[in-house]
Amino acid sequence: MALTEQEIEKIAELLFTKLVKHQEAYEKDTQTYMVSDEFGNNTQVSEIEYYGWELHKLEKLLETYVDNEDYEKAEIIKNKIRMLRLKINKL
């Protein structure tokens, strides 16, 4: 039984749709981020690890601003930390 061009096209379209769905699910499950340390070393990390990395950097920056008595900048960083913690809690 030979398939018509229209049937082949329909099968190809269905197959492509399934492949795209699987790829999107895979990308969502394996979302990774690149982070760099102070020495320029790059590391691939998960989303939660990335947020933890960012939180640590912001907390160090907050400490520096408070030590330098730059309270306006410290307040901005404090708000960023709060927003980041909300994102972490949603994960």
Protein backbone atom coordinates (compact mmCIF):
# COMPACT_ATOMS: atom_id res chain seq x y z
CA MET A 1 0.00 0.00 0.00
CA ALA A 2 1.58 3.21 -1.16
CA LEU A 3 1.08 6.45 0.70
CA THR A 4 0.02 9.56 -1.09
CA GLU A 5 2.06 12.73 -0.86
CA GLN A 6 -0.65 14.25 1.35
CA GLU A 7 -0.54 11.30 3.78
CA ILE A 8 3.25 11.46 3.97
CA GLU A 9 3.07 15.19 4.67
CA LYS A 10 0.52 14.65 7.45
CA ILE A 11 2.65 11.93 9.08
CA ALA A 12 5.72 14.17 8.88
CA GLU A 13 3.83 17.07 10.45
CA LEU A 14 2.56 14.89 13.33
CA LEU A 15 6.04 13.51 13.92
CA PHE A 16 7.57 16.99 13.90
CA THR A 17 4.96 18.23 16.40
CA LYS A 18 5.74 15.35 18.76
CA LEU A 19 9.48 15.95 18.47
CA VAL A 20 9.06 19.65 19.28
CA LYS A 21 6.97 18.82 22.37
CA HIS A 22 9.59 16.37 23.61
CA GLN A 23 12.39 18.88 22.97
CA GLU A 24 10.54 21.61 24.91
CA ALA A 25 9.95 19.25 27.84
CA TYR A 26 13.61 18.23 27.81
CA GLU A 27 14.81 21.85 27.74
CA LYS A 28 12.49 22.78 30.59
CA ASP A 29 13.72 19.90 32.74
CA THR A 30 17.39 20.47 32.01
CA GLN A 31 17.58 24.25 32.05
CA THR A 32 21.11 25.22 33.00
CA TYR A 33 23.00 28.45 33.58
CA MET A 34 26.64 29.44 33.27
CA VAL A 35 28.31 31.20 36.19
CA SER A 36 31.82 32.59 36.52
CA ASP A 37 33.88 32.88 39.65
CA GLU A 38 36.37 35.63 40.48
CA PHE A 39 39.10 33.70 38.61
CA GLY A 40 37.12 33.53 35.37
CA ASN A 41 36.27 29.84 35.70
CA ASN A 42 32.92 29.00 34.11
CA THR A 43 30.63 26.41 35.63
CA GLN A 44 27.32 25.04 34.40
CA VAL A 45 24.69 24.94 37.16
CA SER A 46 20.98 24.30 37.63
CA GLU A 47 18.45 27.08 38.10
CA ILE A 48 18.32 26.74 41.90
CA GLU A 49 22.13 26.71 42.11
CA TYR A 50 22.26 29.81 39.93
CA TYR A 51 19.84 31.67 42.18
CA GLY A 52 21.86 30.60 45.21
CA TRP A 53 25.02 31.90 43.51
CA GLU A 54 23.32 35.24 42.77
CA LEU A 55 21.95 35.47 46.30
CA HIS A 56 25.43 34.97 47.74
CA LYS A 57 26.87 37.71 45.50
CA LEU A 58 24.09 40.15 46.44
CA GLU A 59 24.51 39.44 50.15
CA LYS A 60 28.25 40.17 49.90
CA LEU A 61 27.48 43.39 48.04
CA LEU A 62 24.91 44.38 50.67
CA GLU A 63 27.49 43.82 53.39
CA THR A 64 29.97 46.04 51.53
CA TYR A 65 27.44 48.85 51.13
CA VAL A 66 26.46 48.71 54.81
CA ASP A 67 30.12 48.72 55.89
CA ASN A 68 30.70 51.79 53.70
CA GLU A 69 27.52 53.39 55.10
CA ASP A 70 26.03 53.67 51.61
CA TYR A 71 22.51 52.96 52.80
CA GLU A 72 20.64 53.98 49.64
CA LYS A 73 22.49 51.39 47.55
CA ALA A 74 22.12 48.88 50.38
CA GLU A 75 18.35 49.35 50.32
CA ILE A 76 18.25 48.67 46.56
CA ILE A 77 20.29 45.48 47.00
CA LYS A 78 18.09 44.46 49.94
CA ASN A 79 15.03 44.67 47.67
CA LYS A 80 16.78 42.60 44.99
CA ILE A 81 17.61 39.97 47.61
CA ARG A 82 13.98 39.89 48.71
CA MET A 83 12.77 39.41 45.13
CA LEU A 84 15.35 36.68 44.51
CA ARG A 85 14.29 34.81 47.66
CA LEU A 86 10.69 34.92 46.45
CA LYS A 87 11.79 33.33 43.15
CA ILE A 88 13.71 30.65 45.04
CA ASN A 89 10.71 29.85 47.23
CA LYS A 90 8.52 29.39 44.13
CA LEU A 91 10.82 26.66 42.79
